[in-house]
Amino acid sequence: MKLSCYEKISSGADLNVKEIQSAIKTLKNILKKGGIVVVSENNTLITTYNLDSYDRRLAFK
């Protein structure tokens, strides 16, 4: 089974150039969107969403 980029980094394994370029591209997209919120429990990813996507005023209408 192939490890994800995150799993490789957290385990201390080396990344190849393509994996690093892919990670940089993903991080640039996150920065462009203003950040993300990650929802997880017990080290299991549940969901992610853009940081500025929630508007409390719209939620209670």
N, C-alpha and C. Protein backbone atom coordinates (compact mmCIF):
# COMPACT_ATOMS: atom_id res chain seq x y z
N MET A 1 0.85 -1.18 0.00
CA MET A 1 0.00 0.00 0.00
C MET A 1 0.89 1.24 0.00
N LYS A 2 0.57 2.18 -0.86
CA LYS A 2 1.35 3.41 -0.98
C LYS A 2 0.94 4.41 0.11
N LEU A 3 1.92 4.99 0.78
CA LEU A 3 1.64 5.97 1.82
C LEU A 3 1.33 7.32 1.21
N SER A 4 0.45 8.09 1.86
CA SER A 4 0.17 9.45 1.41
C SER A 4 1.33 10.35 1.81
N CYS A 5 1.34 11.53 1.26
CA CYS A 5 2.39 12.51 1.57
C CYS A 5 2.42 12.80 3.07
N TYR A 6 1.24 13.00 3.66
CA TYR A 6 1.16 13.28 5.09
C TYR A 6 1.72 12.13 5.91
N GLU A 7 1.37 10.90 5.53
CA GLU A 7 1.85 9.73 6.27
C GLU A 7 3.36 9.60 6.17
N LYS A 8 3.91 9.92 5.00
CA LYS A 8 5.37 9.87 4.85
C LYS A 8 6.05 10.91 5.73
N ILE A 9 5.51 12.13 5.72
CA ILE A 9 6.11 13.20 6.53
C ILE A 9 6.03 12.86 8.01
N SER A 10 4.85 12.40 8.46
CA SER A 10 4.69 12.11 9.88
C SER A 10 5.53 10.91 10.33
N SER A 11 5.86 10.01 9.40
CA SER A 11 6.69 8.87 9.78
C SER A 11 8.19 9.15 9.62
N GLY A 12 8.53 10.31 9.04
CA GLY A 12 9.93 10.67 8.88
C GLY A 12 10.54 10.16 7.59
N ALA A 13 9.73 9.61 6.68
CA ALA A 13 10.24 9.12 5.40
C ALA A 13 10.53 10.29 4.46
N ASP A 14 11.41 10.06 3.51
CA ASP A 14 11.76 11.08 2.53
C ASP A 14 10.70 11.17 1.44
N LEU A 15 10.54 12.37 0.89
CA LEU A 15 9.62 12.60 -0.21
C LEU A 15 10.41 12.79 -1.49
N ASN A 16 9.84 12.38 -2.63
CA ASN A 16 10.51 12.64 -3.89
C ASN A 16 10.08 14.02 -4.41
N VAL A 17 10.69 14.48 -5.48
CA VAL A 17 10.45 15.83 -6.00
C VAL A 17 8.99 16.03 -6.40
N LYS A 18 8.38 15.04 -7.05
CA LYS A 18 6.97 15.17 -7.47
C LYS A 18 6.04 15.30 -6.27
N GLU A 19 6.32 14.57 -5.21
CA GLU A 19 5.49 14.65 -4.01
C GLU A 19 5.63 16.02 -3.35
N ILE A 20 6.83 16.55 -3.34
CA ILE A 20 7.06 17.89 -2.76
C ILE A 20 6.36 18.95 -3.61
N GLN A 21 6.46 18.85 -4.93
CA GLN A 21 5.79 19.81 -5.81
C GLN A 21 4.27 19.74 -5.64
N SER A 22 3.74 18.56 -5.49
CA SER A 22 2.31 18.39 -5.28
C SER A 22 1.88 19.02 -3.95
N ALA A 23 2.68 18.81 -2.91
CA ALA A 23 2.37 19.39 -1.60
C ALA A 23 2.41 20.92 -1.66
N ILE A 24 3.38 21.47 -2.36
CA ILE A 24 3.48 22.93 -2.51
C ILE A 24 2.26 23.47 -3.23
N LYS A 25 1.83 22.79 -4.29
CA LYS A 25 0.65 23.22 -5.05
C LYS A 25 -0.60 23.22 -4.16
N THR A 26 -0.76 22.16 -3.37
CA THR A 26 -1.90 22.07 -2.47
C THR A 26 -1.86 23.18 -1.42
N LEU A 27 -0.70 23.43 -0.85
CA LEU A 27 -0.57 24.48 0.17
C LEU A 27 -0.83 25.86 -0.41
N LYS A 28 -0.40 26.11 -1.64
CA LYS A 28 -0.68 27.40 -2.29
C LYS A 28 -2.18 27.59 -2.48
N ASN A 29 -2.88 26.52 -2.87
CA ASN A 29 -4.34 26.60 -3.02
C ASN A 29 -5.02 26.91 -1.69
N ILE A 30 -4.54 26.29 -0.62
CA ILE A 30 -5.10 26.56 0.71
C ILE A 30 -4.89 28.02 1.09
N LEU A 31 -3.69 28.54 0.85
CA LEU A 31 -3.42 29.94 1.16
C LEU A 31 -4.28 30.89 0.34
N LYS A 32 -4.48 30.55 -0.93
CA LYS A 32 -5.29 31.38 -1.82
C LYS A 32 -6.73 31.47 -1.33
N LYS A 33 -7.23 30.39 -0.73
CA LYS A 33 -8.60 30.36 -0.23
C LYS A 33 -8.73 30.99 1.16
N GLY A 34 -7.63 31.34 1.78
CA GLY A 34 -7.68 31.96 3.11
C GLY A 34 -7.59 30.97 4.24
N GLY A 35 -7.31 29.72 3.95
CA GLY A 35 -7.16 28.69 4.98
C GLY A 35 -8.28 27.68 4.91
N ILE A 36 -8.12 26.60 5.66
CA ILE A 36 -9.15 25.57 5.73
C ILE A 36 -9.35 25.16 7.18
N VAL A 37 -10.50 24.57 7.43
CA VAL A 37 -10.81 23.99 8.73
C VAL A 37 -10.81 22.48 8.53
N VAL A 38 -10.11 21.77 9.40
CA VAL A 38 -10.05 20.32 9.34
C VAL A 38 -10.79 19.76 10.54
N VAL A 39 -11.76 18.90 10.28
CA VAL A 39 -12.53 18.27 11.34
C VAL A 39 -12.08 16.82 11.42
N SER A 40 -11.56 16.43 12.59
CA SER A 40 -11.09 15.06 12.75
C SER A 40 -11.40 14.57 14.16
N GLU A 41 -11.36 13.26 14.31
CA GLU A 41 -11.54 12.65 15.62
C GLU A 41 -10.72 11.38 15.65
N ASN A 42 -9.96 11.20 16.72
CA ASN A 42 -9.10 10.03 16.89
C ASN A 42 -8.20 9.81 15.67
N ASN A 43 -7.55 10.87 15.21
CA ASN A 43 -6.65 10.83 14.05
C ASN A 43 -7.33 10.36 12.77
N THR A 44 -8.65 10.51 12.68
CA THR A 44 -9.39 10.17 11.47
C THR A 44 -10.01 11.44 10.90
N LEU A 45 -9.70 11.71 9.64
CA LEU A 45 -10.24 12.88 8.97
C LEU A 45 -11.73 12.69 8.73
N ILE A 46 -12.53 13.66 9.17
CA ILE A 46 -13.97 13.61 8.95
C ILE A 46 -14.33 14.46 7.74
N THR A 47 -13.90 15.73 7.75
CA THR A 47 -14.17 16.62 6.62
C THR A 47 -13.26 17.83 6.69
N THR A 48 -13.22 18.58 5.60
CA THR A 48 -12.54 19.87 5.56
C THR A 48 -13.44 20.85 4.84
N TYR A 49 -13.28 22.14 5.18
CA TYR A 49 -14.00 23.17 4.45
C TYR A 49 -13.21 24.47 4.51
N ASN A 50 -13.52 25.37 3.58
CA ASN A 50 -12.82 26.65 3.53
C ASN A 50 -13.09 27.45 4.80
N LEU A 51 -12.09 28.13 5.28
CA LEU A 51 -12.19 28.88 6.54
C LEU A 51 -13.27 29.94 6.49
N ASP A 52 -13.42 30.62 5.37
CA ASP A 52 -14.39 31.71 5.29
C ASP A 52 -15.73 31.29 4.68
N SER A 53 -16.02 30.00 4.64
CA SER A 53 -17.25 29.54 3.99
C SER A 53 -18.49 29.61 4.91
N TYR A 54 -18.30 29.74 6.19
CA TYR A 54 -19.43 29.77 7.12
C TYR A 54 -19.81 31.20 7.43
N ASP A 55 -21.09 31.52 7.30
CA ASP A 55 -21.59 32.85 7.64
C ASP A 55 -22.72 32.67 8.65
N ARG A 56 -22.46 33.05 9.89
CA ARG A 56 -23.42 32.85 10.97
C ARG A 56 -24.76 33.54 10.67
N ARG A 57 -24.70 34.70 10.03
CA ARG A 57 -25.95 35.43 9.71
C ARG A 57 -26.83 34.61 8.78
N LEU A 58 -26.25 33.88 7.84
CA LEU A 58 -27.03 33.06 6.91
C LEU A 58 -27.50 31.76 7.55
N ALA A 59 -26.82 31.29 8.55
CA ALA A 59 -27.15 30.01 9.17
C ALA A 59 -28.43 30.07 9.98
N PHE A 60 -28.76 31.23 10.51
CA PHE A 60 -29.94 31.36 11.39
C PHE A 60 -31.11 32.03 10.72
N LYS A 61 -31.15 32.06 9.42
CA LYS A 61 -32.30 32.66 8.71
C LYS A 61 -33.31 31.62 8.37
